[in-house]
Amino acid sequence: TVSVVDALRVAMTRCWVIDTSRPDLNDIRAVAHLKMRPNGTVMDVWFDGAARAETDATFAYVLDTIRAAIHTCEPFSMLPRSEYSKWESIQLTFYPTSRRVM
């Protein structure tokens, strides 16, 4: 449901620690795909364009901060087990310059 997704986004925003004053963040946008377990922990995470992190230190930094936020936040207890099929796979988009999670 929308409220559950919103609660997850709020939680990730609270857990995400990133230096928004870095001038090299520019217009970076990172899309994370989370494969969840029924207990609200993350089984797997992958990012669109992850290979970019091999040659772009700033992008690598952003992905590291997102992984750290996931680790800090889990388990995501606001996700109801009864609706697991709706949130088994989650996509979140991170905007570092504004520190927004959509």
Protein backbone atom coordinates (compact mmCIF):
# COMPACT_ATOMS: atom_id res chain seq x y z
CA THR A 1 0.00 0.00 0.00
CA VAL A 2 1.03 3.61 -0.43
CA SER A 3 1.31 4.25 3.33
CA VAL A 4 3.64 1.28 3.77
CA VAL A 5 5.86 2.44 0.91
CA ASP A 6 5.85 5.98 2.29
CA ALA A 7 6.87 4.67 5.72
CA LEU A 8 9.76 2.77 4.11
CA ARG A 9 10.89 5.89 2.25
CA VAL A 10 10.76 7.95 5.44
CA ALA A 11 12.79 5.31 7.28
CA MET A 12 15.42 5.20 4.53
CA THR A 13 15.64 9.00 4.47
CA ARG A 14 16.24 9.04 8.23
CA CYS A 15 18.93 6.34 8.01
CA TRP A 16 20.70 7.76 4.96
CA VAL A 17 23.79 9.72 5.94
CA ILE A 18 25.36 11.52 3.00
CA ASP A 19 27.41 14.70 2.69
CA THR A 20 25.09 16.84 0.58
CA SER A 21 27.62 19.68 0.53
CA ARG A 22 29.91 17.73 -1.80
CA PRO A 23 30.06 19.62 -5.10
CA ASP A 24 30.76 16.43 -7.05
CA LEU A 25 27.30 14.98 -6.36
CA ASN A 26 25.86 17.11 -9.18
CA ASP A 27 22.72 15.44 -10.49
CA ILE A 28 23.49 11.89 -9.44
CA ARG A 29 20.47 9.66 -9.11
CA ALA A 30 20.81 6.11 -7.80
CA VAL A 31 18.13 3.49 -8.33
CA ALA A 32 18.25 0.62 -5.83
CA HIS A 33 16.40 -2.66 -6.25
CA LEU A 34 15.81 -4.51 -2.99
CA LYS A 35 14.83 -8.16 -2.73
CA MET A 36 13.24 -8.54 0.68
CA ARG A 37 12.71 -11.37 3.15
CA PRO A 38 9.36 -11.78 4.95
CA ASN A 39 10.98 -10.59 8.21
CA GLY A 40 11.73 -7.16 6.69
CA THR A 41 15.44 -7.67 6.10
CA VAL A 42 17.11 -7.24 2.72
CA MET A 43 18.14 -10.43 0.97
CA ASP A 44 19.82 -8.68 -1.95
CA VAL A 45 20.32 -5.19 -3.32
CA TRP A 46 21.51 -4.11 -6.74
CA PHE A 47 21.74 -0.76 -8.49
CA ASP A 48 20.99 0.44 -11.99
CA GLY A 49 24.31 1.17 -13.68
CA ALA A 50 26.36 -0.27 -10.80
CA ALA A 51 29.37 -0.73 -13.08
CA ARG A 52 29.71 3.05 -13.14
CA ALA A 53 31.01 2.85 -9.54
CA GLU A 54 34.18 1.17 -10.84
CA THR A 55 35.26 4.37 -12.60
CA ASP A 56 33.26 7.07 -10.77
CA ALA A 57 34.35 7.50 -7.16
CA THR A 58 31.44 9.81 -6.38
CA PHE A 59 28.88 7.29 -7.62
CA ALA A 60 30.66 4.59 -5.61
CA TYR A 61 30.41 6.84 -2.53
CA VAL A 62 26.66 7.30 -3.07
CA LEU A 63 26.09 3.55 -3.42
CA ASP A 64 28.11 2.91 -0.26
CA THR A 65 25.99 5.39 1.70
CA ILE A 66 22.82 3.69 0.48
CA ARG A 67 24.10 0.24 1.49
CA ALA A 68 24.98 1.65 4.91
CA ALA A 69 21.49 3.15 5.26
CA ILE A 70 19.89 -0.18 4.44
CA HIS A 71 22.08 -1.93 6.99
CA THR A 72 21.26 0.70 9.62
CA CYS A 73 17.50 0.63 9.00
CA GLU A 74 16.77 -3.05 8.74
CA PRO A 75 14.69 -4.84 9.67
CA PHE A 76 11.95 -2.75 8.12
CA SER A 77 9.30 -3.60 10.70
CA MET A 78 6.68 -1.31 9.11
CA LEU A 79 6.29 -3.80 6.26
CA PRO A 80 3.38 -6.10 7.14
CA ARG A 81 4.11 -9.81 6.63
CA SER A 82 0.55 -10.31 5.46
CA GLU A 83 1.35 -8.14 2.41
CA TYR A 84 4.77 -9.64 1.65
CA SER A 85 3.87 -10.35 -1.98
CA LYS A 86 3.40 -6.58 -2.48
CA TRP A 87 6.82 -5.59 -1.10
CA GLU A 88 8.98 -8.64 -1.83
CA SER A 89 10.72 -6.54 -4.49
CA ILE A 90 11.14 -2.81 -3.89
CA GLN A 91 12.66 -0.11 -6.07
CA LEU A 92 13.85 3.11 -4.45
CA THR A 93 15.39 6.12 -6.15
CA PHE A 94 17.91 8.18 -4.18
CA TYR A 95 18.66 11.83 -4.94
CA PRO A 96 21.83 12.76 -3.04
CA THR A 97 21.85 16.53 -3.58
CA SER A 98 18.39 16.91 -2.03
CA ARG A 99 18.72 13.83 0.21
CA ARG A 100 15.38 12.51 -1.04
CA VAL A 101 14.26 8.93 -1.40
CA MET A 102 11.42 8.21 -3.79
